[in-house]
Amino acid sequence: MAMTTEQQVSILAVITTSDEAGKHFAEVYDHADLTELEADGLLTISRSVHATGIAYSQEYWSVQVTEDGIELVEANPEYCPEV
């Protein structure tokens, strides 16, 4: 099922590679939600690959909200979680 705008914004407004408690985004957010946000072009996940061609595990991945994701958040401030 597709995420609502409110669900998208609630994640995009606060997602970082590691939160203040040191938890990695892959631990905090549902994999299906991250996959959908990435497929929709709202965020990018950098999946590092070692020079040998072997992919690093998830704890080495990083996340960044795209311009489209930022625009979605800015257009829907009512859905931003209180910080």
C-alpha atoms as a PDB file:
ATOM      1  CA  MET A   1       0.000   0.000   0.000  1.00  0.00           C
ATOM      2  CA  ALA A   2       1.333   3.414  -0.932  1.00  0.00           C
ATOM      3  CA  MET A   3       2.360   5.780   1.810  1.00  0.00           C
ATOM      4  CA  THR A   4       0.280   8.890   2.442  1.00  0.00           C
ATOM      5  CA  THR A   5       1.830  12.329   2.117  1.00  0.00           C
ATOM      6  CA  GLU A   6       1.644  12.616   5.893  1.00  0.00           C
ATOM      7  CA  GLN A   7       3.610   9.372   6.335  1.00  0.00           C
ATOM      8  CA  GLN A   8       6.208  10.460   3.773  1.00  0.00           C
ATOM      9  CA  VAL A   9       6.711  13.896   5.327  1.00  0.00           C
ATOM     10  CA  SER A  10       6.877  12.508   8.873  1.00  0.00           C
ATOM     11  CA  ILE A  11       9.910  10.443   7.820  1.00  0.00           C
ATOM     12  CA  LEU A  12      11.551  12.858   5.372  1.00  0.00           C
ATOM     13  CA  ALA A  13      11.420  15.768   7.841  1.00  0.00           C
ATOM     14  CA  VAL A  14      13.595  13.978  10.401  1.00  0.00           C
ATOM     15  CA  ILE A  15      15.531  11.132   8.755  1.00  0.00           C
ATOM     16  CA  THR A  16      19.300  11.136   9.177  1.00  0.00           C
ATOM     17  CA  THR A  17      21.896   8.411   8.792  1.00  0.00           C
ATOM     18  CA  SER A  18      22.118   8.106  12.594  1.00  0.00           C
ATOM     19  CA  ASP A  19      19.729   9.707  15.052  1.00  0.00           C
ATOM     20  CA  GLU A  20      20.682  11.488  18.288  1.00  0.00           C
ATOM     21  CA  ALA A  21      20.657   8.160  20.138  1.00  0.00           C
ATOM     22  CA  GLY A  22      23.095   6.702  17.590  1.00  0.00           C
ATOM     23  CA  LYS A  23      20.505   4.423  15.963  1.00  0.00           C
ATOM     24  CA  HIS A  24      21.052   3.859  12.251  1.00  0.00           C
ATOM     25  CA  PHE A  25      18.182   4.764   9.915  1.00  0.00           C
ATOM     26  CA  ALA A  26      17.921   1.138   8.711  1.00  0.00           C
ATOM     27  CA  GLU A  27      17.116   0.140  12.321  1.00  0.00           C
ATOM     28  CA  VAL A  28      14.598   2.935  12.872  1.00  0.00           C
ATOM     29  CA  TYR A  29      12.494   2.878   9.705  1.00  0.00           C
ATOM     30  CA  ASP A  30      10.584   0.125   7.970  1.00  0.00           C
ATOM     31  CA  HIS A  31      12.459  -1.310   4.972  1.00  0.00           C
ATOM     32  CA  ALA A  32       9.338  -1.141   2.763  1.00  0.00           C
ATOM     33  CA  ASP A  33       8.862   2.556   3.577  1.00  0.00           C
ATOM     34  CA  LEU A  34      12.492   3.339   2.763  1.00  0.00           C
ATOM     35  CA  THR A  35      12.245   1.393  -0.486  1.00  0.00           C
ATOM     36  CA  GLU A  36       9.108   3.301  -1.479  1.00  0.00           C
ATOM     37  CA  LEU A  37      10.592   6.701  -0.620  1.00  0.00           C
ATOM     38  CA  GLU A  38      13.699   5.854  -2.630  1.00  0.00           C
ATOM     39  CA  ALA A  39      11.661   4.571  -5.592  1.00  0.00           C
ATOM     40  CA  ASP A  40       9.607   7.786  -5.518  1.00  0.00           C
ATOM     41  CA  GLY A  41      12.826   9.818  -5.709  1.00  0.00           C
ATOM     42  CA  LEU A  42      12.295  11.424  -2.299  1.00  0.00           C
ATOM     43  CA  LEU A  43      15.486  10.100  -0.726  1.00  0.00           C
ATOM     44  CA  THR A  44      18.673   8.355  -1.760  1.00  0.00           C
ATOM     45  CA  ILE A  45      20.436   5.577   0.076  1.00  0.00           C
ATOM     46  CA  SER A  46      24.165   5.240  -0.528  1.00  0.00           C
ATOM     47  CA  ARG A  47      25.109   1.581  -0.320  1.00  0.00           C
ATOM     48  CA  SER A  48      28.870   1.496  -0.053  1.00  0.00           C
ATOM     49  CA  VAL A  49      30.838  -1.140  -1.941  1.00  0.00           C
ATOM     50  CA  HIS A  50      34.393  -2.116  -1.005  1.00  0.00           C
ATOM     51  CA  ALA A  51      37.112  -1.928  -3.663  1.00  0.00           C
ATOM     52  CA  THR A  52      36.912  -5.737  -3.842  1.00  0.00           C
ATOM     53  CA  GLY A  53      33.319  -5.430  -5.082  1.00  0.00           C
ATOM     54  CA  ILE A  54      31.742  -6.708  -1.893  1.00  0.00           C
ATOM     55  CA  ALA A  55      28.936  -4.553  -0.533  1.00  0.00           C
ATOM     56  CA  TYR A  56      29.306  -3.188   2.972  1.00  0.00           C
ATOM     57  CA  SER A  57      26.576  -4.074   5.468  1.00  0.00           C
ATOM     58  CA  GLN A  58      23.694  -1.706   6.268  1.00  0.00           C
ATOM     59  CA  GLU A  59      25.453   0.043   9.131  1.00  0.00           C
ATOM     60  CA  TYR A  60      27.763   1.612   6.517  1.00  0.00           C
ATOM     61  CA  TRP A  61      24.909   2.934   4.390  1.00  0.00           C
ATOM     62  CA  SER A  62      23.947   6.595   4.461  1.00  0.00           C
ATOM     63  CA  VAL A  63      20.723   8.402   3.597  1.00  0.00           C
ATOM     64  CA  GLN A  64      19.954  11.820   2.145  1.00  0.00           C
ATOM     65  CA  VAL A  65      16.665  13.516   1.346  1.00  0.00           C
ATOM     66  CA  THR A  66      16.502  14.640  -2.303  1.00  0.00           C
ATOM     67  CA  GLU A  67      15.378  18.056  -3.549  1.00  0.00           C
ATOM     68  CA  ASP A  68      11.963  16.550  -4.331  1.00  0.00           C
ATOM     69  CA  GLY A  69      11.775  15.223  -0.774  1.00  0.00           C
ATOM     70  CA  ILE A  70      12.710  18.608   0.675  1.00  0.00           C
ATOM     71  CA  GLU A  71      10.074  20.303  -1.497  1.00  0.00           C
ATOM     72  CA  LEU A  72       7.438  17.819  -0.291  1.00  0.00           C
ATOM     73  CA  VAL A  73       8.313  18.559   3.356  1.00  0.00           C
ATOM     74  CA  GLU A  74       8.311  22.322   2.776  1.00  0.00           C
ATOM     75  CA  ALA A  75       4.929  22.125   1.015  1.00  0.00           C
ATOM     76  CA  ASN A  76       3.387  20.181   3.916  1.00  0.00           C
ATOM     77  CA  PRO A  77       4.690  21.665   7.184  1.00  0.00           C
ATOM     78  CA  GLU A  78       1.551  20.559   9.011  1.00  0.00           C
ATOM     79  CA  TYR A  79       2.793  16.947   8.770  1.00  0.00           C
ATOM     80  CA  CYS A  80       6.249  17.647  10.217  1.00  0.00           C
ATOM     81  CA  PRO A  81       6.732  16.030  13.611  1.00  0.00           C
ATOM     82  CA  GLU A  82       7.269  18.336  16.568  1.00  0.00           C
ATOM     83  CA  VAL A  83      10.933  18.395  17.470  1.00  0.00           C
END
